[in-house]
């Protein structure tokens, strides 16, 4: 008997879980906006050197207006480029406002020699997401999921909105970095609060369906960006709603598992009684007492008296193998995903339409993943999605550049498989790590995802060496991770582990290929 049995007694997946999961998933509509915002706020509009008018030439060169003619302009602005000499635009830049009214590129002239700063802003943001994964992962294991989630909502709403009023590029990057930290806090704690209140049999369905909020959010981003076309207004539009999420997040119930394991069983019991009442099981309130709760989780309570750190993720054999495999899977999934998703202008299609297409392709991909997760398991789904994304990326190498529609189709399919891989790895990771160190583990492995997302834009520079090189790197990483994924233990229909001992008991290791197996009588590998 364990906590999963208590969840079933208070209604399984009832009214409380439905409301709880829905409220936690709604912010996902705007989480895609945060990660993909750079496609629009840092969009590169058409531009050329500003052509000076005759009045400005006359005043700057002490001519009278009548003296300024084409011969004078030619003398002042040499037109003989036989030596291929170039110079900076002396009179600034003029930007085409057909696609974007205003972006940080046109705001701070991030063109020519300053062009790398466009991608730098995204790398800095992902650096914030990386830092947040490290910091918030450990803090939530210490202070609770709910408290850190509430704070993350507030930080994202406040600093994200303030970003719209940035007076300089440096200020913009600093605020985006801190917003990225909050994004990690929201994602990691929302995933754990969902998983830890959901019965074993419904985890797959709930995990996949809630990921559709992120998918639909990609199309929402395209609509908002198209209607505003101004980076400051867009920044406010995708960040201010988090004030609403902050206000209603106080309704959430803290993870009862976490409360029990942190010697706060009284509070856990209150939350369980609340869940029973909302689920229409008031008769269970008297039956589930403090003694019943602690007897169900006696072993976990005894184990939780120790102190856990990130070192525990690699201290034991099974935990070490799981952590190392997940690091590679998370890195490659994020690396390939953002390599495809963060440079929409290269496809030669309207950027707003391309964003919608990239969002729409996720729906069939994730439905396919749902079926695979349910019937084939997590391990097969994870490995297959990564290998298929690699196939699509490699196939694009051999398609001529003039066959733009074929290249776009293959890129969309590749992006769909990486999105399905993301859906799987979030669920898979939450099921592999035990409650006592789940958030630390989530933060640890998702750190690798942030490194992957930071590295992805930099790899695009390799196309100057060889046009196919970025695709080779992205595809190669996906192949390696796809193979590594098959070394992870299966978790389909397995109760969540609460302690490191649970993980070690459920799996034993033979030092051969596909070495993870479960004891006789449980789910096999």
Protein backbone atom coordinates (compact mmCIF):
# COMPACT_ATOMS: atom_id res chain seq x y z
CA UNK A 1 0.00 0.00 0.00
CA UNK A 2 1.30 3.47 -0.87
CA UNK A 3 0.22 7.01 -1.65
CA UNK A 4 -1.19 5.91 -5.03
CA UNK A 5 -3.76 3.80 -3.14
CA UNK A 6 -4.80 6.81 -1.06
CA UNK A 7 -5.27 8.84 -4.26
CA UNK A 8 -7.61 6.16 -5.59
CA UNK A 9 -9.56 6.17 -2.32
CA UNK A 10 -10.22 9.93 -2.51
CA UNK A 11 -11.55 9.71 -6.05
CA UNK A 12 -8.67 8.87 -8.38
CA UNK A 13 -8.82 11.34 -11.25
CA UNK A 14 -11.85 13.29 -10.08
CA UNK A 15 -13.15 16.84 -10.12
CA UNK A 16 -10.20 18.17 -8.11
CA UNK A 17 -7.62 16.68 -10.48
CA UNK A 18 -9.48 18.01 -13.51
CA UNK A 19 -9.56 21.57 -12.14
CA UNK A 20 -6.01 21.30 -10.79
CA UNK A 21 -4.48 20.07 -14.07
CA UNK A 22 -6.46 22.58 -16.16
CA UNK A 23 -5.35 25.56 -14.08
CA UNK A 24 -1.75 24.37 -14.16
CA UNK A 25 -1.91 23.85 -17.93
CA UNK A 26 -3.50 27.18 -18.98
CA UNK A 27 -0.22 29.14 -18.50
CA UNK A 28 1.25 26.73 -21.05
CA UNK A 29 -0.58 28.73 -23.72
CA UNK A 30 1.95 31.51 -23.14
CA UNK A 31 5.00 29.40 -22.28
CA UNK A 32 5.59 28.79 -25.99
CA UNK A 33 5.47 32.55 -26.44
CA UNK A 34 8.32 32.99 -23.99
CA UNK A 35 10.63 30.43 -25.63
CA UNK A 36 9.86 31.38 -29.24
CA UNK A 37 9.36 35.11 -28.70
CA UNK A 38 12.71 35.97 -30.27
CA UNK A 39 11.39 34.96 -33.70
CA UNK A 40 9.22 38.09 -33.63
CA UNK A 41 10.72 40.54 -31.12
CA UNK A 42 14.11 40.06 -32.82
CA UNK A 43 12.78 39.59 -36.34
CA UNK A 44 15.08 40.91 -39.07
CA UNK A 45 13.13 43.38 -41.24
CA UNK A 46 14.30 44.36 -44.70
CA UNK A 47 16.69 47.30 -44.40
CA UNK A 48 19.05 49.58 -46.30
CA UNK A 49 21.19 52.63 -45.63
CA UNK A 50 19.21 55.79 -45.12
CA UNK A 51 19.48 57.98 -48.21
CA UNK A 52 20.25 61.54 -47.09
CA UNK A 53 18.12 64.37 -48.39
CA UNK A 54 19.63 67.42 -50.04
CA UNK A 55 19.05 69.67 -47.04
CA UNK A 56 21.11 67.45 -44.72
CA UNK A 57 23.94 67.23 -47.29
CA UNK A 58 24.01 70.99 -47.72
CA UNK A 59 24.13 71.68 -43.99
CA UNK A 60 26.78 69.03 -43.25
CA UNK A 61 29.13 70.12 -46.09
CA UNK A 62 28.61 73.92 -46.03
CA UNK A 63 26.84 74.00 -49.41
CA UNK A 64 23.93 76.18 -50.25
CA UNK A 65 20.85 74.16 -51.17
CA UNK A 66 21.11 75.31 -54.81
CA UNK A 67 24.68 74.00 -55.00
CA UNK A 68 23.68 70.43 -54.14
CA UNK A 69 23.29 68.38 -57.32
CA UNK A 70 23.99 64.82 -58.43
CA UNK A 71 27.67 65.57 -59.11
CA UNK A 72 28.16 66.87 -55.56
CA UNK A 73 26.36 63.88 -54.07
CA UNK A 74 28.59 61.55 -56.09
CA UNK A 75 31.66 63.36 -54.85
CA UNK A 76 30.50 63.12 -51.26
CA UNK A 77 29.22 59.53 -51.58
CA UNK A 78 31.68 57.72 -53.92
CA UNK A 79 30.01 55.25 -56.22
CA UNK A 80 33.11 53.51 -57.59
CA UNK A 81 33.11 50.10 -55.91
CA UNK A 82 35.57 48.38 -58.22
CA UNK A 83 37.79 47.60 -55.21
CA UNK A 84 34.83 46.12 -53.32
CA UNK A 85 35.21 48.61 -50.50
CA UNK A 86 32.35 48.96 -48.02
CA UNK A 87 31.61 51.47 -45.32
CA UNK A 88 29.15 51.90 -42.50
CA UNK A 89 25.86 53.63 -43.17
CA UNK A 90 26.76 57.20 -42.25
CA UNK A 91 23.16 58.34 -41.99
CA UNK A 92 21.66 55.32 -40.20
CA UNK A 93 19.28 52.67 -41.46
CA UNK A 94 15.85 52.58 -42.99
CA UNK A 95 13.73 49.52 -42.16
CA UNK A 96 10.90 47.97 -44.12
CA UNK A 97 7.77 47.93 -41.94
CA UNK A 98 5.76 45.50 -44.06
CA UNK A 99 6.44 42.48 -41.84
CA UNK A 100 7.38 44.14 -38.53
CA UNK A 101 6.55 47.64 -37.30
CA UNK A 102 9.25 47.48 -34.67
CA UNK A 103 11.73 44.88 -33.39
CA UNK A 104 14.80 45.07 -31.19
CA UNK A 105 16.79 44.89 -34.44
CA UNK A 106 15.28 48.11 -35.78
CA UNK A 107 15.20 49.65 -32.27
CA UNK A 108 18.95 49.31 -31.67
CA UNK A 109 20.24 48.78 -35.25
CA UNK A 110 21.36 45.17 -34.72
CA UNK A 111 22.51 44.74 -38.31
CA UNK A 112 25.85 44.33 -40.11
CA UNK A 113 28.58 44.14 -37.46
CA UNK A 114 25.97 44.09 -34.68
CA UNK A 115 23.97 41.28 -36.28
CA UNK A 116 25.30 38.58 -33.86
CA UNK A 117 23.59 40.45 -31.00
CA UNK A 118 20.24 39.33 -32.43
CA UNK A 119 20.97 35.67 -31.61
CA UNK A 120 22.88 36.69 -28.50
CA UNK A 121 19.65 37.90 -26.90
CA UNK A 122 18.11 34.43 -27.32
CA UNK A 123 21.24 32.75 -25.94
CA UNK A 124 21.14 35.03 -22.89
CA UNK A 125 17.45 34.22 -22.35
CA UNK A 126 18.20 30.50 -22.53
CA UNK A 127 21.04 31.10 -20.07
CA UNK A 128 18.40 32.40 -17.69
CA UNK A 129 16.27 29.30 -18.28
CA UNK A 130 19.36 27.20 -17.53
CA UNK A 131 20.07 29.09 -14.29
CA UNK A 132 16.43 28.79 -13.27
CA UNK A 133 16.49 25.02 -13.78
CA UNK A 134 19.47 24.73 -11.43
CA UNK A 135 18.21 27.16 -8.78
CA UNK A 136 14.47 26.46 -8.72
CA UNK A 137 14.91 22.69 -8.98
CA UNK A 138 16.75 22.48 -5.67
CA UNK A 139 14.70 25.17 -3.94
CA UNK A 140 11.37 23.48 -4.68
CA UNK A 141 12.57 20.21 -3.13
CA UNK A 142 13.37 22.27 -0.03
CA UNK A 143 10.50 24.78 0.13
CA UNK A 144 7.76 23.04 -1.84
CA UNK A 145 6.33 23.06 -5.35
CA UNK A 146 3.48 25.50 -4.73
CA UNK A 147 5.55 28.28 -3.13
CA UNK A 148 8.16 28.27 -5.88
CA UNK A 149 5.49 28.13 -8.60
CA UNK A 150 3.65 31.13 -7.17
CA UNK A 151 6.91 33.10 -6.98
CA UNK A 152 7.84 32.10 -10.55
CA UNK A 153 4.50 33.39 -11.86
CA UNK A 154 5.07 36.72 -10.13
CA UNK A 155 8.67 37.04 -11.30
CA UNK A 156 7.74 36.26 -14.89
CA UNK A 157 4.80 38.67 -14.90
CA UNK A 158 6.75 41.54 -13.34
CA UNK A 159 10.10 41.28 -15.10
CA UNK A 160 8.57 40.19 -18.40
CA UNK A 161 6.34 43.26 -18.46
CA UNK A 162 9.22 45.52 -17.44
CA UNK A 163 11.23 44.19 -20.39
CA UNK A 164 8.86 46.05 -22.72
CA UNK A 165 10.13 49.34 -21.28
CA UNK A 166 13.84 48.56 -21.71
CA UNK A 167 15.75 51.73 -22.65
CA UNK A 168 18.78 49.82 -23.98
CA UNK A 169 19.85 46.47 -25.36
CA UNK A 170 21.80 45.62 -22.19
CA UNK A 171 18.77 46.25 -19.98
CA UNK A 172 16.65 44.17 -22.32
CA UNK A 173 19.05 41.21 -22.08
CA UNK A 174 19.29 41.40 -18.28
CA UNK A 175 15.51 41.36 -17.90
CA UNK A 176 15.13 38.55 -20.45
CA UNK A 177 17.69 36.50 -18.49
CA UNK A 178 15.71 36.87 -15.28
CA UNK A 179 12.45 36.14 -17.12
CA UNK A 180 14.04 32.95 -18.41
CA UNK A 181 14.79 31.91 -14.83
CA UNK A 182 11.11 32.29 -13.96
CA UNK A 183 10.10 30.24 -17.02
CA UNK A 184 12.09 27.29 -15.65
CA UNK A 185 10.43 27.70 -12.26
CA UNK A 186 6.97 27.59 -13.85
CA UNK A 187 7.66 24.56 -16.06
CA UNK A 188 9.43 22.39 -13.48
CA UNK A 189 7.01 22.99 -10.62
CA UNK A 190 3.88 22.74 -12.75
CA UNK A 191 5.01 19.33 -14.06
CA UNK A 192 5.67 18.01 -10.55
CA UNK A 193 2.39 19.32 -9.13
CA UNK A 194 0.52 17.57 -11.93
CA UNK A 195 2.36 14.27 -11.66
CA UNK A 196 2.21 14.06 -7.86
CA UNK A 197 -1.57 14.47 -7.70
CA UNK A 198 -2.47 12.14 -10.58
CA UNK A 199 -3.19 8.38 -10.29
CA UNK A 200 -0.76 6.06 -12.07
CA UNK A 201 -3.11 4.96 -14.87
CA UNK A 202 -3.98 8.49 -16.04
CA UNK A 203 -0.48 10.00 -16.08
CA UNK A 204 0.12 9.31 -19.78
CA UNK A 205 -3.17 10.80 -20.95
CA UNK A 206 -2.95 13.86 -18.71
CA UNK A 207 0.72 14.48 -19.52
CA UNK A 208 0.11 14.39 -23.26
CA UNK A 209 -3.13 16.38 -23.28
CA UNK A 210 -1.70 19.12 -21.08
CA UNK A 211 1.21 19.46 -23.52
CA UNK A 212 -1.33 20.50 -26.18
CA UNK A 213 -1.65 23.82 -24.35
CA UNK A 214 1.97 24.54 -25.28
CA UNK A 215 1.31 23.40 -28.83
CA UNK A 216 -1.75 25.62 -29.25
CA UNK A 217 0.24 28.42 -27.65
CA UNK A 218 2.57 28.44 -30.66
CA UNK A 219 -0.37 29.40 -32.87
CA UNK A 220 -1.58 31.92 -30.28
CA UNK A 221 1.86 33.54 -30.46
CA UNK A 222 1.60 33.85 -34.25
CA UNK A 223 -1.83 35.51 -33.94
CA UNK A 224 -0.73 37.97 -31.25
CA UNK A 225 2.50 38.83 -33.07
CA UNK A 226 0.65 39.37 -36.37
CA UNK A 227 -1.95 41.64 -34.78
CA UNK A 228 0.57 43.81 -32.90
CA UNK A 229 3.83 43.69 -34.95
CA UNK A 230 5.51 45.86 -32.31
CA UNK A 231 7.99 44.14 -30.01
CA UNK A 232 7.15 46.22 -26.93
CA UNK A 233 3.41 45.61 -27.21
CA UNK A 234 4.03 41.93 -27.93
CA UNK A 235 6.23 41.63 -24.84
CA UNK A 236 3.46 43.02 -22.63
CA UNK A 237 0.79 40.87 -24.28
CA UNK A 238 2.56 37.58 -23.50
CA UNK A 239 3.77 38.48 -19.98
CA UNK A 240 1.02 40.53 -18.30
CA UNK A 241 -1.47 37.57 -18.15
CA UNK A 242 0.87 35.87 -15.66
CA UNK A 243 -0.43 38.31 -13.05
CA UNK A 244 -3.77 36.48 -13.41
CA UNK A 245 -2.05 33.10 -13.06
CA UNK A 246 -0.27 34.42 -9.97
CA UNK A 247 -3.58 35.40 -8.36
CA UNK A 248 -5.39 32.10 -8.89
CA UNK A 249 -2.33 29.94 -8.12
CA UNK A 250 -3.04 30.34 -4.40
CA UNK A 251 -5.87 27.83 -4.93
CA UNK A 252 -3.40 25.04 -5.74
CA UNK A 253 -2.82 22.24 -3.26
CA UNK A 254 0.77 21.57 -2.29
CA UNK A 255 2.04 18.10 -3.14
CA UNK A 256 0.88 15.81 -0.32
CA UNK A 257 3.74 13.44 -1.15
CA UNK A 258 6.26 16.22 -0.64
CA UNK A 259 4.59 17.36 2.60
CA UNK A 260 4.70 13.88 4.11
CA UNK A 261 8.31 13.36 3.14
CA UNK A 262 9.19 16.71 4.74
CA UNK A 263 7.55 15.77 8.06
CA UNK A 264 4.48 17.93 7.51
CA UNK A 265 1.94 15.11 7.55
CA UNK A 266 -0.73 17.27 9.23
CA UNK A 267 -0.81 19.59 6.23
CA UNK A 268 -0.77 16.67 3.82
CA UNK A 269 -3.79 15.18 5.56
CA UNK A 270 -5.70 18.46 5.22
CA UNK A 271 -5.00 18.52 1.49
CA UNK A 272 -6.12 14.91 1.10
CA UNK A 273 -9.37 15.71 2.95
CA UNK A 274 -9.86 18.73 0.68
CA UNK A 275 -9.37 16.55 -2.40
CA UNK A 276 -11.86 13.96 -1.05
CA UNK A 277 -14.43 16.68 -0.47
CA UNK A 278 -14.04 18.23 -3.94
CA UNK A 279 -14.16 14.79 -5.54
CA UNK A 280 -17.45 13.99 -3.82
CA UNK A 281 -15.97 11.48 -1.36
CA UNK A 282 -16.74 13.11 2.03
CA UNK A 283 -17.04 9.70 3.72
CA UNK A 284 -13.31 9.17 3.21
CA UNK A 285 -12.45 12.16 5.41
CA UNK A 286 -13.09 10.22 8.62
CA UNK A 287 -11.47 7.03 7.34
CA UNK A 288 -8.19 8.64 6.23
CA UNK A 289 -6.48 9.68 9.46
CA UNK A 290 -2.94 10.75 10.23
CA UNK A 291 -2.13 7.20 11.30
CA UNK A 292 -3.50 5.77 8.04
CA UNK A 293 -1.52 8.27 5.97
CA UNK A 294 1.74 7.61 7.78
CA UNK A 295 1.25 3.85 7.72
CA UNK A 296 0.82 3.98 3.93
CA UNK A 297 4.06 5.95 3.58
CA UNK A 298 6.01 4.53 6.52
CA UNK A 299 8.98 3.39 4.45
CA UNK A 300 9.12 6.70 2.57
CA UNK A 301 8.96 8.70 5.80
CA UNK A 302 11.85 6.72 7.28
CA UNK A 303 13.90 7.22 4.13
CA UNK A 304 13.17 10.95 3.97
CA UNK A 305 14.89 11.66 7.29
CA UNK A 306 18.14 11.96 5.38
CA UNK A 307 19.35 15.01 3.47
CA UNK A 308 19.47 14.85 -0.30
CA UNK A 309 21.64 16.77 -2.73
CA UNK A 310 22.37 16.65 -6.44
CA UNK A 311 25.11 14.12 -5.67
CA UNK A 312 22.38 11.57 -4.89
CA UNK A 313 21.41 11.64 -8.57
CA UNK A 314 24.66 9.85 -9.41
CA UNK A 315 25.58 8.22 -6.09
CA UNK A 316 23.94 4.84 -6.71
CA UNK A 317 24.28 2.63 -9.76
CA UNK A 318 20.73 2.83 -11.14
CA UNK A 319 20.30 6.54 -10.37
CA UNK A 320 23.62 7.27 -12.04
CA UNK A 321 22.70 5.37 -15.21
CA UNK A 322 19.29 7.06 -15.36
CA UNK A 323 20.77 10.54 -14.86
CA UNK A 324 23.49 10.12 -17.47
CA UNK A 325 21.04 8.80 -20.07
CA UNK A 326 18.51 11.55 -19.37
CA UNK A 327 21.19 14.23 -19.67
CA UNK A 328 21.93 13.14 -23.24
CA UNK A 329 18.24 12.75 -24.16
CA UNK A 330 17.30 16.19 -22.79
CA UNK A 331 20.25 17.92 -24.46
CA UNK A 332 19.65 16.43 -27.89
CA UNK A 333 15.88 16.93 -27.83
CA UNK A 334 16.25 20.62 -27.03
CA UNK A 335 19.24 21.03 -29.36
CA UNK A 336 17.37 19.65 -32.37
CA UNK A 337 14.07 21.38 -31.46
CA UNK A 338 15.48 24.89 -31.21
CA UNK A 339 17.77 24.32 -34.17
CA UNK A 340 14.61 23.90 -36.25
CA UNK A 341 12.24 26.30 -34.48
CA UNK A 342 14.34 29.43 -33.86
CA UNK A 343 15.13 30.57 -37.40
CA UNK A 344 11.79 30.66 -39.19
CA UNK A 345 12.84 33.38 -41.64
CA UNK A 346 15.26 31.00 -43.40
CA UNK A 347 12.34 29.06 -44.95
CA UNK A 348 11.32 31.91 -47.22
CA UNK A 349 7.68 31.64 -46.11
CA UNK A 350 5.69 34.32 -44.27
CA UNK A 351 7.00 34.08 -40.70
CA UNK A 352 3.55 34.24 -39.08
CA UNK A 353 2.24 31.48 -41.34
CA UNK A 354 5.36 29.40 -40.66
CA UNK A 355 4.81 29.70 -36.91
CA UNK A 356 1.23 28.43 -37.30
CA UNK A 357 2.38 25.52 -39.47
CA UNK A 358 5.07 24.60 -36.93
CA UNK A 359 2.42 24.67 -34.21
CA UNK A 360 -0.16 22.64 -36.14
CA UNK A 361 2.25 19.82 -36.93
CA UNK A 362 2.60 19.15 -33.21
CA UNK A 363 -1.02 17.99 -32.88
CA UNK A 364 -0.75 14.80 -34.96
CA UNK A 365 2.78 14.22 -33.65
CA UNK A 366 1.65 14.31 -30.02
CA UNK A 367 -1.44 12.23 -30.69
CA UNK A 368 0.85 9.64 -32.21
CA UNK A 369 3.08 9.93 -29.13
CA UNK A 370 0.03 9.46 -26.86
CA UNK A 371 -0.84 6.18 -28.55
CA UNK A 372 2.76 5.02 -28.46
CA UNK A 373 3.23 6.01 -24.80
CA UNK A 374 0.07 4.13 -23.85
CA UNK A 375 0.66 0.90 -25.76
CA UNK A 376 4.39 0.69 -26.46
CA UNK A 377 5.72 2.46 -23.39
CA UNK A 378 7.96 5.42 -22.65
CA UNK A 379 11.31 4.00 -23.73
CA UNK A 380 10.31 2.93 -27.23
CA UNK A 381 8.44 6.20 -27.82
CA UNK A 382 11.35 8.34 -26.63
CA UNK A 383 13.95 6.56 -28.74
CA UNK A 384 11.78 6.34 -31.85
CA UNK A 385 10.83 10.04 -31.81
CA UNK A 386 14.48 11.08 -31.62
CA UNK A 387 15.58 8.71 -34.38
CA UNK A 388 12.74 9.82 -36.68
CA UNK A 389 13.59 13.48 -36.14
CA UNK A 390 17.17 12.66 -37.16
CA UNK A 391 15.90 10.97 -40.34
CA UNK A 392 13.96 14.14 -41.31
CA UNK A 393 16.92 16.40 -40.59
CA UNK A 394 19.33 14.24 -42.59
CA UNK A 395 16.85 13.93 -45.48
CA UNK A 396 16.75 17.72 -45.83
CA UNK A 397 20.48 17.74 -46.59
CA UNK A 398 19.85 16.03 -49.93
CA UNK A 399 16.92 18.23 -51.02
CA UNK A 400 17.94 21.07 -53.41
CA UNK A 401 17.49 24.57 -52.01
CA UNK A 402 15.09 25.52 -54.81
CA UNK A 403 12.61 22.82 -53.62
CA UNK A 404 11.51 25.04 -50.76
CA UNK A 405 8.16 23.33 -50.15
CA UNK A 406 9.82 19.92 -49.71
CA UNK A 407 12.44 21.35 -47.37
CA UNK A 408 9.76 23.07 -45.30
CA UNK A 409 7.70 19.86 -45.09
CA UNK A 410 10.66 17.82 -43.88
CA UNK A 411 11.57 20.52 -41.34
CA UNK A 412 7.98 20.50 -40.03
CA UNK A 413 8.03 16.72 -39.67
CA UNK A 414 11.35 16.88 -37.87
CA UNK A 415 10.04 19.54 -35.53
CA UNK A 416 6.92 17.43 -34.88
CA UNK A 417 9.01 14.45 -33.79
CA UNK A 418 11.17 16.60 -31.50
CA UNK A 419 8.00 18.06 -29.94
CA UNK A 420 6.72 14.53 -29.31
CA UNK A 421 10.11 13.73 -27.78
CA UNK A 422 9.72 16.71 -25.42
CA UNK A 423 6.25 15.49 -24.38
CA UNK A 424 7.65 12.07 -23.59
CA UNK A 425 10.79 13.17 -21.76
CA UNK A 426 8.91 15.46 -19.33
CA UNK A 427 6.59 12.59 -18.38
CA UNK A 428 9.38 9.99 -18.42
CA UNK A 429 11.70 12.02 -16.18
CA UNK A 430 8.96 12.70 -13.61
CA UNK A 431 8.29 8.98 -13.41
CA UNK A 432 11.94 7.90 -13.18
CA UNK A 433 13.06 10.16 -10.32
CA UNK A 434 11.77 9.58 -6.75
CA UNK A 435 9.70 12.18 -4.87
CA UNK A 436 12.45 13.02 -2.35
CA UNK A 437 14.66 14.36 -5.12
CA UNK A 438 12.33 14.67 -8.12
CA UNK A 439 12.63 18.42 -8.54
CA UNK A 440 16.39 18.36 -8.11
CA UNK A 441 16.52 15.67 -10.78
CA UNK A 442 14.20 17.57 -13.11
CA UNK A 443 16.32 20.68 -12.69
CA UNK A 444 19.54 18.73 -13.20
CA UNK A 445 18.61 17.05 -16.49
CA UNK A 446 16.65 20.00 -17.86
CA UNK A 447 19.84 22.00 -17.36
CA UNK A 448 21.21 19.98 -20.25
CA UNK A 449 18.17 20.98 -22.33
CA UNK A 450 18.96 24.64 -21.71
CA UNK A 451 22.58 24.09 -22.74
CA UNK A 452 21.23 22.48 -25.92
CA UNK A 453 18.92 25.42 -26.61
CA UNK A 454 21.81 27.84 -26.06
CA UNK A 455 24.10 25.89 -28.38
CA UNK A 456 21.53 25.47 -31.18
CA UNK A 457 21.69 29.06 -32.56
CA UNK A 458 25.50 29.05 -32.45
CA UNK A 459 25.67 25.92 -34.63
CA UNK A 460 23.96 27.84 -37.46
CA UNK A 461 27.22 29.73 -37.94
CA UNK A 462 28.75 26.49 -39.24
CA UNK A 463 26.86 26.88 -42.52
CA UNK A 464 29.61 29.30 -43.56
CA UNK A 465 32.01 26.35 -43.45
CA UNK A 466 29.62 23.93 -45.16
CA UNK A 467 25.89 24.53 -45.72
CA UNK A 468 24.94 20.99 -44.60
CA UNK A 469 27.07 21.03 -41.44
CA UNK A 470 24.41 22.38 -39.02
CA UNK A 471 21.98 19.66 -40.14
CA UNK A 472 24.65 17.00 -39.69
CA UNK A 473 25.30 18.19 -36.15
CA UNK A 474 21.60 18.43 -35.20
CA UNK A 475 20.80 15.04 -36.74
CA UNK A 476 23.85 13.35 -35.27
CA UNK A 477 22.93 14.48 -31.76
CA UNK A 478 19.39 13.11 -32.22
CA UNK A 479 20.74 9.72 -33.37
CA UNK A 480 23.01 9.37 -30.34
CA UNK A 481 20.21 10.33 -27.93
CA UNK A 482 17.74 8.04 -29.66
CA UNK A 483 20.02 5.06 -29.09
CA UNK A 484 20.77 6.10 -25.50
CA UNK A 485 17.03 6.32 -24.73
CA UNK A 486 16.72 2.56 -25.11
CA UNK A 487 18.99 2.11 -22.09
CA UNK A 488 16.39 3.71 -19.75
CA UNK A 489 14.00 1.54 -17.68
CA UNK A 490 10.34 1.35 -18.69
CA UNK A 491 7.84 3.11 -16.37
CA UNK A 492 4.52 2.34 -18.06
CA UNK A 493 1.87 1.56 -15.37
CA UNK A 494 4.54 1.60 -12.62
CA UNK A 495 3.69 3.57 -9.42
CA UNK A 496 5.79 6.67 -8.82
CA UNK A 497 8.89 5.97 -6.72
CA UNK A 498 9.11 8.02 -3.52
CA UNK A 499 12.63 7.17 -2.38
CA UNK A 500 15.97 6.34 -3.96
CA UNK A 501 15.56 2.88 -2.47
CA UNK A 502 12.36 2.44 -4.51
CA UNK A 503 14.29 3.15 -7.71
CA UNK A 504 17.08 0.75 -6.80
CA UNK A 505 14.59 -2.00 -5.87
CA UNK A 506 12.50 -1.68 -9.02
CA UNK A 507 15.50 -1.96 -11.31
CA UNK A 508 18.64 -4.07 -11.17
CA UNK A 509 21.51 -3.68 -13.53
CA UNK A 510 23.31 -6.23 -15.67
CA UNK A 511 26.29 -4.72 -17.35
CA UNK A 512 25.16 -5.66 -20.83
CA UNK A 513 23.35 -3.74 -23.56
CA UNK A 514 19.71 -2.94 -22.61
CA UNK A 515 20.71 -3.77 -19.06
CA UNK A 516 17.76 -2.27 -17.23
CA UNK A 517 15.26 -4.84 -16.01
CA UNK A 518 12.58 -5.01 -13.37
CA UNK A 519 12.24 -7.79 -10.79
CA UNK A 520 10.07 -10.79 -11.64
CA UNK A 521 6.38 -9.96 -11.54
CA UNK A 522 6.64 -6.27 -12.45
CA UNK A 523 6.80 -4.44 -15.74
CA UNK A 524 9.66 -5.79 -17.83
CA UNK A 525 12.13 -3.78 -19.80
